[in-house]
């Protein structure tokens, strides 16, 4: 096929090129420049001639590669986001427990100084510490749970219907993770 041969282009592509060429001529470009711009535009849109034997790359393959690349990138980003969220959640839980313990201890010391009965005060202090720490931890987990839900919704919207895993596979993975975390915690 000699250079400049347009036989590899479909009728539609040739009509498009003619139309673009006409509009370029109306704008005052030379015949040669208008033709050059028209065929360059058609090539840019379609990636070359669409007829068999044109030697063009398959548009499907390039599109598939691009989506694969984007999916990998997104997965990497979400993994790092999850890790940072987890670390932040842990830190807030710890801090909440610590502050709850401190406040409970202060309160019990004040009451102990007033009453003088240390043993009973220690017992009540332990109970109060546990209660307040438990409440603070529950508050922290509630906050993180709502954050997780919104993050999940955003991830679903971003991934759309072409998610890499099926819903059942994701559910199974979550269950396995919970079992692992449950076994490691006690």
C-alpha atoms as a PDB file:
ATOM      1  CA  UNK A   1       0.000   0.000   0.000  1.00  0.00           C
ATOM      2  CA  UNK A   2       1.704   3.230  -1.101  1.00  0.00           C
ATOM      3  CA  UNK A   3       2.024   6.157   1.242  1.00  0.00           C
ATOM      4  CA  UNK A   4      -1.050   8.401   1.214  1.00  0.00           C
ATOM      5  CA  UNK A   5      -3.332   5.589   0.026  1.00  0.00           C
ATOM      6  CA  UNK A   6      -6.768   5.919   1.654  1.00  0.00           C
ATOM      7  CA  UNK A   7      -8.149   2.489   0.718  1.00  0.00           C
ATOM      8  CA  UNK A   8      -7.838   1.267   4.326  1.00  0.00           C
ATOM      9  CA  UNK A   9     -10.367   3.870   5.485  1.00  0.00           C
ATOM     10  CA  UNK A  10     -14.093   3.150   5.620  1.00  0.00           C
ATOM     11  CA  UNK A  11     -16.644   5.232   3.721  1.00  0.00           C
ATOM     12  CA  UNK A  12     -17.694   6.893   6.942  1.00  0.00           C
ATOM     13  CA  UNK A  13     -14.112   7.881   7.745  1.00  0.00           C
ATOM     14  CA  UNK A  14     -13.669   9.304   4.246  1.00  0.00           C
ATOM     15  CA  UNK A  15     -16.891  11.336   4.594  1.00  0.00           C
ATOM     16  CA  UNK A  16     -15.700  12.655   7.932  1.00  0.00           C
ATOM     17  CA  UNK A  17     -12.384  13.701   6.402  1.00  0.00           C
ATOM     18  CA  UNK A  18     -14.182  15.452   3.524  1.00  0.00           C
ATOM     19  CA  UNK A  19     -16.416  17.338   5.938  1.00  0.00           C
ATOM     20  CA  UNK A  20     -13.465  18.433   8.086  1.00  0.00           C
ATOM     21  CA  UNK A  21     -11.550  19.448   4.972  1.00  0.00           C
ATOM     22  CA  UNK A  22     -14.464  21.629   3.797  1.00  0.00           C
ATOM     23  CA  UNK A  23     -14.732  23.379   7.141  1.00  0.00           C
ATOM     24  CA  UNK A  24     -10.978  24.013   7.174  1.00  0.00           C
ATOM     25  CA  UNK A  25     -11.182  25.489   3.656  1.00  0.00           C
ATOM     26  CA  UNK A  26     -13.989  27.815   4.831  1.00  0.00           C
ATOM     27  CA  UNK A  27     -11.681  29.025   7.587  1.00  0.00           C
ATOM     28  CA  UNK A  28      -9.159  30.053   4.943  1.00  0.00           C
ATOM     29  CA  UNK A  29      -6.617  27.237   4.991  1.00  0.00           C
ATOM     30  CA  UNK A  30      -4.940  26.032   1.782  1.00  0.00           C
ATOM     31  CA  UNK A  31      -6.170  22.863   0.012  1.00  0.00           C
ATOM     32  CA  UNK A  32      -3.076  20.924   1.089  1.00  0.00           C
ATOM     33  CA  UNK A  33      -3.251  22.034   4.733  1.00  0.00           C
ATOM     34  CA  UNK A  34      -6.996  21.409   4.952  1.00  0.00           C
ATOM     35  CA  UNK A  35      -6.545  17.837   3.674  1.00  0.00           C
ATOM     36  CA  UNK A  36      -3.657  17.206   6.041  1.00  0.00           C
ATOM     37  CA  UNK A  37      -5.645  18.460   9.055  1.00  0.00           C
ATOM     38  CA  UNK A  38      -8.731  16.440   8.033  1.00  0.00           C
ATOM     39  CA  UNK A  39      -6.894  13.106   7.785  1.00  0.00           C
ATOM     40  CA  UNK A  40      -4.910  13.824  10.955  1.00  0.00           C
ATOM     41  CA  UNK A  41      -8.197  14.396  12.786  1.00  0.00           C
ATOM     42  CA  UNK A  42      -9.720  11.157  11.475  1.00  0.00           C
ATOM     43  CA  UNK A  43      -6.566   9.250  12.471  1.00  0.00           C
ATOM     44  CA  UNK A  44      -6.642  10.800  15.939  1.00  0.00           C
ATOM     45  CA  UNK A  45     -10.291   9.833  16.441  1.00  0.00           C
ATOM     46  CA  UNK A  46     -10.171   6.291  15.072  1.00  0.00           C
ATOM     47  CA  UNK A  47      -6.505   5.317  15.227  1.00  0.00           C
ATOM     48  CA  UNK A  48      -6.155   4.891  11.456  1.00  0.00           C
ATOM     49  CA  UNK A  49      -8.078   3.053   8.780  1.00  0.00           C
ATOM     50  CA  UNK A  50     -10.707   0.644  10.054  1.00  0.00           C
ATOM     51  CA  UNK A  51     -10.721  -1.764   7.131  1.00  0.00           C
ATOM     52  CA  UNK A  52      -8.911  -5.093   7.372  1.00  0.00           C
ATOM     53  CA  UNK A  53      -5.254  -5.003   6.438  1.00  0.00           C
ATOM     54  CA  UNK A  54      -4.801  -1.415   7.538  1.00  0.00           C
ATOM     55  CA  UNK A  55      -2.221  -2.481  10.139  1.00  0.00           C
ATOM     56  CA  UNK A  56      -3.778  -0.407  12.887  1.00  0.00           C
ATOM     57  CA  UNK A  57      -3.690  -1.453  16.535  1.00  0.00           C
ATOM     58  CA  UNK A  58      -6.910  -2.808  17.922  1.00  0.00           C
ATOM     59  CA  UNK A  59      -8.753  -0.081  19.781  1.00  0.00           C
ATOM     60  CA  UNK A  60     -10.201  -2.682  22.130  1.00  0.00           C
ATOM     61  CA  UNK A  61      -6.762  -3.876  23.205  1.00  0.00           C
ATOM     62  CA  UNK A  62      -5.511  -0.376  23.979  1.00  0.00           C
ATOM     63  CA  UNK A  63      -8.714   0.435  25.868  1.00  0.00           C
ATOM     64  CA  UNK A  64      -8.422  -2.796  27.855  1.00  0.00           C
ATOM     65  CA  UNK A  65      -4.827  -2.028  28.773  1.00  0.00           C
ATOM     66  CA  UNK A  66      -5.787   1.456  29.941  1.00  0.00           C
ATOM     67  CA  UNK A  67      -8.608   0.186  32.145  1.00  0.00           C
ATOM     68  CA  UNK A  68      -6.385  -2.528  33.604  1.00  0.00           C
ATOM     69  CA  UNK A  69      -3.742   0.046  34.459  1.00  0.00           C
ATOM     70  CA  UNK A  70      -6.303   2.345  36.069  1.00  0.00           C
ATOM     71  CA  UNK A  71      -7.759  -0.524  38.099  1.00  0.00           C
ATOM     72  CA  UNK A  72      -4.324  -1.486  39.436  1.00  0.00           C
ATOM     73  CA  UNK A  73      -3.606   2.113  40.368  1.00  0.00           C
ATOM     74  CA  UNK A  74      -6.961   2.448  42.136  1.00  0.00           C
ATOM     75  CA  UNK A  75      -6.431  -0.795  44.050  1.00  0.00           C
ATOM     76  CA  UNK A  76      -3.033   0.399  45.232  1.00  0.00           C
ATOM     77  CA  UNK A  77      -4.481   3.718  46.387  1.00  0.00           C
ATOM     78  CA  UNK A  78      -7.373   2.109  48.248  1.00  0.00           C
ATOM     79  CA  UNK A  79      -5.024  -0.329  50.000  1.00  0.00           C
ATOM     80  CA  UNK A  80      -2.878   2.509  51.337  1.00  0.00           C
ATOM     81  CA  UNK A  81      -5.979   4.476  52.335  1.00  0.00           C
ATOM     82  CA  UNK A  82      -7.304   1.488  54.261  1.00  0.00           C
ATOM     83  CA  UNK A  83      -4.010   1.036  56.076  1.00  0.00           C
ATOM     84  CA  UNK A  84      -3.835   4.695  57.105  1.00  0.00           C
ATOM     85  CA  UNK A  85      -7.475   4.672  58.217  1.00  0.00           C
ATOM     86  CA  UNK A  86      -6.866   1.583  60.317  1.00  0.00           C
ATOM     87  CA  UNK A  87      -3.832   3.145  61.990  1.00  0.00           C
ATOM     88  CA  UNK A  88      -5.718   6.378  62.663  1.00  0.00           C
ATOM     89  CA  UNK A  89      -8.660   4.461  64.115  1.00  0.00           C
ATOM     90  CA  UNK A  90      -6.369   2.521  66.432  1.00  0.00           C
ATOM     91  CA  UNK A  91      -4.650   5.699  67.592  1.00  0.00           C
ATOM     92  CA  UNK A  92      -7.934   7.465  68.353  1.00  0.00           C
ATOM     93  CA  UNK A  93      -9.214   4.455  70.277  1.00  0.00           C
ATOM     94  CA  UNK A  94      -6.045   4.335  72.344  1.00  0.00           C
ATOM     95  CA  UNK A  95      -6.148   8.047  73.064  1.00  0.00           C
ATOM     96  CA  UNK A  96      -9.810   7.894  74.077  1.00  0.00           C
ATOM     97  CA  UNK A  97      -9.145   5.051  76.489  1.00  0.00           C
ATOM     98  CA  UNK A  98      -6.141   6.832  77.974  1.00  0.00           C
ATOM     99  CA  UNK A  99      -8.014  10.080  78.601  1.00  0.00           C
ATOM    100  CA  UNK A 100     -10.957   8.177  80.073  1.00  0.00           C
ATOM    101  CA  UNK A 101      -8.653   6.360  82.491  1.00  0.00           C
ATOM    102  CA  UNK A 102      -6.967   9.585  83.557  1.00  0.00           C
ATOM    103  CA  UNK A 103     -10.224  11.372  84.271  1.00  0.00           C
ATOM    104  CA  UNK A 104     -11.602   8.384  86.191  1.00  0.00           C
ATOM    105  CA  UNK A 105      -8.430   8.142  88.287  1.00  0.00           C
ATOM    106  CA  UNK A 106      -8.545  11.863  89.114  1.00  0.00           C
ATOM    107  CA  UNK A 107     -12.158  11.622  90.180  1.00  0.00           C
ATOM    108  CA  UNK A 108     -11.488   8.619  92.404  1.00  0.00           C
ATOM    109  CA  UNK A 109      -8.460  10.248  94.024  1.00  0.00           C
ATOM    110  CA  UNK A 110     -10.532  13.261  94.957  1.00  0.00           C
ATOM    111  CA  UNK A 111     -13.237  11.094  96.491  1.00  0.00           C
ATOM    112  CA  UNK A 112     -10.616   8.948  98.246  1.00  0.00           C
ATOM    113  CA  UNK A 113      -9.026  12.001  99.798  1.00  0.00           C
ATOM    114  CA  UNK A 114     -12.401  13.125 101.099  1.00  0.00           C
ATOM    115  CA  UNK A 115     -13.602   9.788 102.505  1.00  0.00           C
ATOM    116  CA  UNK A 116     -10.364   8.086 103.469  1.00  0.00           C
ATOM    117  CA  UNK A 117     -11.637   4.619 102.532  1.00  0.00           C
ATOM    118  CA  UNK A 118      -9.030   3.623  99.989  1.00  0.00           C
ATOM    119  CA  UNK A 119      -9.903  -0.012  99.203  1.00  0.00           C
ATOM    120  CA  UNK A 120     -13.515   0.641  98.314  1.00  0.00           C
ATOM    121  CA  UNK A 121     -12.502   3.689  96.345  1.00  0.00           C
ATOM    122  CA  UNK A 122      -9.979   1.657  94.342  1.00  0.00           C
ATOM    123  CA  UNK A 123     -12.660  -0.838  93.396  1.00  0.00           C
ATOM    124  CA  UNK A 124     -15.056   1.866  92.311  1.00  0.00           C
ATOM    125  CA  UNK A 125     -12.240   3.589  90.442  1.00  0.00           C
ATOM    126  CA  UNK A 126     -11.503   0.447  88.470  1.00  0.00           C
ATOM    127  CA  UNK A 127     -15.182   0.065  87.621  1.00  0.00           C
ATOM    128  CA  UNK A 128     -15.497   3.691  86.602  1.00  0.00           C
ATOM    129  CA  UNK A 129     -12.335   3.487  84.489  1.00  0.00           C
ATOM    130  CA  UNK A 130     -13.604   0.429  82.689  1.00  0.00           C
ATOM    131  CA  UNK A 131     -16.994   2.024  82.082  1.00  0.00           C
ATOM    132  CA  UNK A 132     -15.665   5.311  80.747  1.00  0.00           C
ATOM    133  CA  UNK A 133     -12.988   3.611  78.658  1.00  0.00           C
ATOM    134  CA  UNK A 134     -15.601   1.284  77.208  1.00  0.00           C
ATOM    135  CA  UNK A 135     -17.906   4.190  76.379  1.00  0.00           C
ATOM    136  CA  UNK A 136     -15.115   6.175  74.737  1.00  0.00           C
ATOM    137  CA  UNK A 137     -14.038   3.162  72.694  1.00  0.00           C
ATOM    138  CA  UNK A 138     -17.622   2.523  71.606  1.00  0.00           C
ATOM    139  CA  UNK A 139     -17.950   6.166  70.534  1.00  0.00           C
ATOM    140  CA  UNK A 140     -14.720   5.944  68.547  1.00  0.00           C
ATOM    141  CA  UNK A 141     -15.781   2.733  66.800  1.00  0.00           C
ATOM    142  CA  UNK A 142     -19.189   4.216  65.980  1.00  0.00           C
ATOM    143  CA  UNK A 143     -17.532   7.209  64.347  1.00  0.00           C
ATOM    144  CA  UNK A 144     -15.133   5.035  62.371  1.00  0.00           C
ATOM    145  CA  UNK A 145     -17.975   2.729  61.300  1.00  0.00           C
ATOM    146  CA  UNK A 146     -19.902   5.611  59.749  1.00  0.00           C
ATOM    147  CA  UNK A 147     -16.709   6.766  58.045  1.00  0.00           C
ATOM    148  CA  UNK A 148     -16.184   3.263  56.697  1.00  0.00           C
ATOM    149  CA  UNK A 149     -19.688   3.150  55.256  1.00  0.00           C
ATOM    150  CA  UNK A 150     -19.198   6.384  53.344  1.00  0.00           C
ATOM    151  CA  UNK A 151     -15.792   5.203  52.140  1.00  0.00           C
ATOM    152  CA  UNK A 152     -17.353   1.971  50.880  1.00  0.00           C
ATOM    153  CA  UNK A 153     -20.048   3.900  49.014  1.00  0.00           C
ATOM    154  CA  UNK A 154     -17.455   6.124  47.380  1.00  0.00           C
ATOM    155  CA  UNK A 155     -15.362   3.112  46.385  1.00  0.00           C
ATOM    156  CA  UNK A 156     -18.407   1.404  44.862  1.00  0.00           C
ATOM    157  CA  UNK A 157     -19.249   4.505  42.844  1.00  0.00           C
ATOM    158  CA  UNK A 158     -15.667   4.842  41.628  1.00  0.00           C
ATOM    159  CA  UNK A 159     -15.282   1.202  40.615  1.00  0.00           C
ATOM    160  CA  UNK A 160     -18.748   0.942  39.034  1.00  0.00           C
ATOM    161  CA  UNK A 161     -19.979  -2.290  37.485  1.00  0.00           C
ATOM    162  CA  UNK A 162     -16.524  -3.451  36.431  1.00  0.00           C
ATOM    163  CA  UNK A 163     -15.397  -4.341  39.955  1.00  0.00           C
ATOM    164  CA  UNK A 164     -12.590  -6.858  40.070  1.00  0.00           C
ATOM    165  CA  UNK A 165     -14.376  -9.108  42.597  1.00  0.00           C
ATOM    166  CA  UNK A 166     -17.921 -10.294  42.783  1.00  0.00           C
ATOM    167  CA  UNK A 167     -20.047  -9.326  45.780  1.00  0.00           C
ATOM    168  CA  UNK A 168     -19.888 -12.871  47.157  1.00  0.00           C
ATOM    169  CA  UNK A 169     -16.090 -12.937  46.902  1.00  0.00           C
ATOM    170  CA  UNK A 170     -15.812  -9.601  48.719  1.00  0.00           C
ATOM    171  CA  UNK A 171     -18.133 -10.834  51.454  1.00  0.00           C
ATOM    172  CA  UNK A 172     -16.095 -14.026  51.883  1.00  0.00           C
ATOM    173  CA  UNK A 173     -12.886 -11.992  52.097  1.00  0.00           C
ATOM    174  CA  UNK A 174     -14.390  -9.746  54.785  1.00  0.00           C
ATOM    175  CA  UNK A 175     -15.542 -12.776  56.774  1.00  0.00           C
ATOM    176  CA  UNK A 176     -12.057 -14.326  56.610  1.00  0.00           C
ATOM    177  CA  UNK A 177     -10.506 -11.062  57.733  1.00  0.00           C
ATOM    178  CA  UNK A 178     -12.902 -10.808  60.676  1.00  0.00           C
ATOM    179  CA  UNK A 179     -12.098 -14.370  61.730  1.00  0.00           C
ATOM    180  CA  UNK A 180      -8.381 -13.644  61.555  1.00  0.00           C
ATOM    181  CA  UNK A 181      -8.738 -10.449  63.552  1.00  0.00           C
ATOM    182  CA  UNK A 182     -11.042 -12.149  66.061  1.00  0.00           C
ATOM    183  CA  UNK A 183      -8.571 -15.004  66.585  1.00  0.00           C
ATOM    184  CA  UNK A 184      -5.639 -12.619  67.043  1.00  0.00           C
ATOM    185  CA  UNK A 185      -7.425 -10.236  69.477  1.00  0.00           C
ATOM    186  CA  UNK A 186      -7.979 -12.478  72.607  1.00  0.00           C
END
